[in-house]
Amino acid sequence: MQAMPQEKRKKTEEEVAGEDETEANPEGLKLRKDSAGNFWAELSDPKEKRGGKTQKRITVNKFKGNVNIHLREYYEKDGDFLPGKAGIALSQEQWKLAISLAEQVKEAVKALEKE
């Protein structure tokens, strides 16, 4: 008797539960978990990478007991990507406010693209 093939592989730590549907996340982005326990995803357009030396990332981390969401540019040094000065850290409350405006932002983008 042959062994049954595995239906689905078990998700790794890097693939966080709660993935968005394809419609909500057309790029198929998934958060990864780094060795320090921070969650992150690269947001850079491959055309913007300037020779692969910078990345734009969203990162979720805990600092002094507070969970923060960062939108930040990272730079490469000695094979590692380090956070740069360009970026912003949002509290959970600020993040909730920002994402509550997502539909309005989409509409504003559409309106400006038509101009």
C-alpha atoms as a PDB file:
ATOM      1  CA  MET A   1       0.000   0.000   0.000  1.00  0.00           C
ATOM      2  CA  GLN A   2       1.277   3.444  -0.919  1.00  0.00           C
ATOM      3  CA  ALA A   3       1.340   6.298   1.568  1.00  0.00           C
ATOM      4  CA  MET A   4      -1.301   8.937   1.072  1.00  0.00           C
ATOM      5  CA  PRO A   5       0.136  12.238  -0.166  1.00  0.00           C
ATOM      6  CA  GLN A   6      -0.061  15.097   2.293  1.00  0.00           C
ATOM      7  CA  GLU A   7      -3.077  17.258   1.576  1.00  0.00           C
ATOM      8  CA  LYS A   8      -1.426  20.496   2.664  1.00  0.00           C
ATOM      9  CA  ARG A   9       1.902  21.279   4.195  1.00  0.00           C
ATOM     10  CA  LYS A  10       1.868  22.776   7.662  1.00  0.00           C
ATOM     11  CA  LYS A  11       2.440  26.540   7.660  1.00  0.00           C
ATOM     12  CA  THR A  12       5.770  27.762   8.919  1.00  0.00           C
ATOM     13  CA  GLU A  13       6.132  30.405  11.625  1.00  0.00           C
ATOM     14  CA  GLU A  14       6.825  32.923   8.882  1.00  0.00           C
ATOM     15  CA  GLU A  15       3.374  32.439   7.356  1.00  0.00           C
ATOM     16  CA  VAL A  16       1.067  34.084   9.825  1.00  0.00           C
ATOM     17  CA  ALA A  17      -2.538  33.010  10.224  1.00  0.00           C
ATOM     18  CA  GLY A  18      -5.190  35.409   9.079  1.00  0.00           C
ATOM     19  CA  GLU A  19      -3.996  35.765   5.511  1.00  0.00           C
ATOM     20  CA  ASP A  20      -6.066  38.142   3.416  1.00  0.00           C
ATOM     21  CA  GLU A  21      -8.229  36.893   0.573  1.00  0.00           C
ATOM     22  CA  THR A  22      -6.763  37.374  -2.903  1.00  0.00           C
ATOM     23  CA  GLU A  23      -9.171  40.234  -3.582  1.00  0.00           C
ATOM     24  CA  ALA A  24      -8.057  42.102  -0.453  1.00  0.00           C
ATOM     25  CA  ASN A  25      -4.389  41.219  -0.941  1.00  0.00           C
ATOM     26  CA  PRO A  26      -3.799  40.913  -4.697  1.00  0.00           C
ATOM     27  CA  GLU A  27      -0.026  40.790  -4.303  1.00  0.00           C
ATOM     28  CA  GLY A  28      -0.247  37.742  -2.022  1.00  0.00           C
ATOM     29  CA  LEU A  29       1.867  39.417   0.638  1.00  0.00           C
ATOM     30  CA  LYS A  30       2.430  37.496   3.859  1.00  0.00           C
ATOM     31  CA  LEU A  31       4.066  38.550   7.069  1.00  0.00           C
ATOM     32  CA  ARG A  32       7.267  36.755   7.985  1.00  0.00           C
ATOM     33  CA  LYS A  33       8.751  36.376  11.447  1.00  0.00           C
ATOM     34  CA  ASP A  34      12.398  37.270  12.029  1.00  0.00           C
ATOM     35  CA  SER A  35      14.785  35.791  14.602  1.00  0.00           C
ATOM     36  CA  ALA A  36      13.934  38.592  17.071  1.00  0.00           C
ATOM     37  CA  GLY A  37      10.219  37.729  16.942  1.00  0.00           C
ATOM     38  CA  ASN A  38       9.183  40.734  14.844  1.00  0.00           C
ATOM     39  CA  PHE A  39       6.724  40.335  11.994  1.00  0.00           C
ATOM     40  CA  TRP A  40       7.427  42.029   8.662  1.00  0.00           C
ATOM     41  CA  ALA A  41       6.650  42.130   4.960  1.00  0.00           C
ATOM     42  CA  GLU A  42       8.490  43.826   2.116  1.00  0.00           C
ATOM     43  CA  LEU A  43       6.464  46.520   0.349  1.00  0.00           C
ATOM     44  CA  SER A  44       9.042  47.621  -2.219  1.00  0.00           C
ATOM     45  CA  ASP A  45       8.269  47.663  -5.896  1.00  0.00           C
ATOM     46  CA  PRO A  46      11.146  45.774  -7.561  1.00  0.00           C
ATOM     47  CA  LYS A  47      11.694  48.819  -9.821  1.00  0.00           C
ATOM     48  CA  GLU A  48      12.313  51.026  -6.758  1.00  0.00           C
ATOM     49  CA  LYS A  49      15.057  48.940  -5.158  1.00  0.00           C
ATOM     50  CA  ARG A  50      17.985  50.966  -6.473  1.00  0.00           C
ATOM     51  CA  GLY A  51      20.203  47.965  -7.095  1.00  0.00           C
ATOM     52  CA  GLY A  52      18.705  45.858  -4.289  1.00  0.00           C
ATOM     53  CA  LYS A  53      20.150  48.103  -1.579  1.00  0.00           C
ATOM     54  CA  THR A  54      16.884  49.362  -0.027  1.00  0.00           C
ATOM     55  CA  GLN A  55      13.525  47.922   0.904  1.00  0.00           C
ATOM     56  CA  LYS A  56      10.290  49.424   2.141  1.00  0.00           C
ATOM     57  CA  ARG A  57       8.750  47.299   4.869  1.00  0.00           C
ATOM     58  CA  ILE A  58       5.851  47.105   7.225  1.00  0.00           C
ATOM     59  CA  THR A  59       6.955  45.732  10.573  1.00  0.00           C
ATOM     60  CA  VAL A  60       5.078  44.816  13.736  1.00  0.00           C
ATOM     61  CA  ASN A  61       7.145  44.706  16.897  1.00  0.00           C
ATOM     62  CA  LYS A  62       6.965  45.161  20.637  1.00  0.00           C
ATOM     63  CA  PHE A  63       9.029  47.865  22.344  1.00  0.00           C
ATOM     64  CA  LYS A  64       8.822  48.687  26.046  1.00  0.00           C
ATOM     65  CA  GLY A  65       5.624  46.675  26.310  1.00  0.00           C
ATOM     66  CA  ASN A  66       3.885  48.472  23.434  1.00  0.00           C
ATOM     67  CA  VAL A  67       3.069  46.930  20.071  1.00  0.00           C
ATOM     68  CA  ASN A  68       3.941  49.255  17.182  1.00  0.00           C
ATOM     69  CA  ILE A  69       3.446  49.149  13.440  1.00  0.00           C
ATOM     70  CA  HIS A  70       6.304  50.622  11.400  1.00  0.00           C
ATOM     71  CA  LEU A  71       6.324  51.734   7.774  1.00  0.00           C
ATOM     72  CA  ARG A  72      10.014  52.201   7.152  1.00  0.00           C
ATOM     73  CA  GLU A  73      12.771  52.076   4.565  1.00  0.00           C
ATOM     74  CA  TYR A  74      15.512  49.539   5.262  1.00  0.00           C
ATOM     75  CA  TYR A  75      19.030  49.587   3.865  1.00  0.00           C
ATOM     76  CA  GLU A  76      21.507  46.793   3.275  1.00  0.00           C
ATOM     77  CA  LYS A  77      24.775  46.682   5.201  1.00  0.00           C
ATOM     78  CA  ASP A  78      27.087  43.671   5.285  1.00  0.00           C
ATOM     79  CA  GLY A  79      24.329  41.396   3.980  1.00  0.00           C
ATOM     80  CA  ASP A  80      21.764  42.467   6.598  1.00  0.00           C
ATOM     81  CA  PHE A  81      18.868  44.866   6.187  1.00  0.00           C
ATOM     82  CA  LEU A  82      18.747  47.525   8.895  1.00  0.00           C
ATOM     83  CA  PRO A  83      16.015  50.097   9.618  1.00  0.00           C
ATOM     84  CA  GLY A  84      16.688  53.527   8.196  1.00  0.00           C
ATOM     85  CA  LYS A  85      15.635  56.949   9.425  1.00  0.00           C
ATOM     86  CA  ALA A  86      12.957  57.327   6.747  1.00  0.00           C
ATOM     87  CA  GLY A  87       9.727  55.970   8.143  1.00  0.00           C
ATOM     88  CA  ILE A  88       7.065  56.189  10.794  1.00  0.00           C
ATOM     89  CA  ALA A  89       6.008  54.139  13.817  1.00  0.00           C
ATOM     90  CA  LEU A  90       2.314  53.972  14.632  1.00  0.00           C
ATOM     91  CA  SER A  91       0.641  52.833  17.839  1.00  0.00           C
ATOM     92  CA  GLN A  92      -2.155  50.295  17.502  1.00  0.00           C
ATOM     93  CA  GLU A  93      -4.694  53.091  17.910  1.00  0.00           C
ATOM     94  CA  GLN A  94      -3.078  55.190  15.155  1.00  0.00           C
ATOM     95  CA  TRP A  95      -2.928  52.122  12.900  1.00  0.00           C
ATOM     96  CA  LYS A  96      -6.654  51.452  13.407  1.00  0.00           C
ATOM     97  CA  LEU A  97      -7.427  55.062  12.481  1.00  0.00           C
ATOM     98  CA  ALA A  98      -5.213  54.868   9.395  1.00  0.00           C
ATOM     99  CA  ILE A  99      -6.764  51.661   8.058  1.00  0.00           C
ATOM    100  CA  SER A 100     -10.264  52.971   8.762  1.00  0.00           C
ATOM    101  CA  LEU A 101      -9.529  55.524   6.021  1.00  0.00           C
ATOM    102  CA  ALA A 102      -8.503  52.896   3.445  1.00  0.00           C
ATOM    103  CA  GLU A 103     -11.629  53.155   1.286  1.00  0.00           C
ATOM    104  CA  GLN A 104     -11.523  56.961   1.336  1.00  0.00           C
ATOM    105  CA  VAL A 105      -7.857  56.889   0.357  1.00  0.00           C
ATOM    106  CA  LYS A 106      -8.654  54.544  -2.560  1.00  0.00           C
ATOM    107  CA  GLU A 107     -11.358  56.939  -3.749  1.00  0.00           C
ATOM    108  CA  ALA A 108      -9.005  59.939  -3.418  1.00  0.00           C
ATOM    109  CA  VAL A 109      -6.356  58.115  -5.470  1.00  0.00           C
ATOM    110  CA  LYS A 110      -8.913  57.327  -8.184  1.00  0.00           C
ATOM    111  CA  ALA A 111     -10.074  60.959  -8.250  1.00  0.00           C
ATOM    112  CA  LEU A 112      -6.537  62.290  -8.561  1.00  0.00           C
ATOM    113  CA  GLU A 113      -5.630  59.756 -11.266  1.00  0.00           C
ATOM    114  CA  LYS A 114      -8.528  61.039 -13.357  1.00  0.00           C
ATOM    115  CA  GLU A 115      -7.196  64.617 -13.242  1.00  0.00           C
END
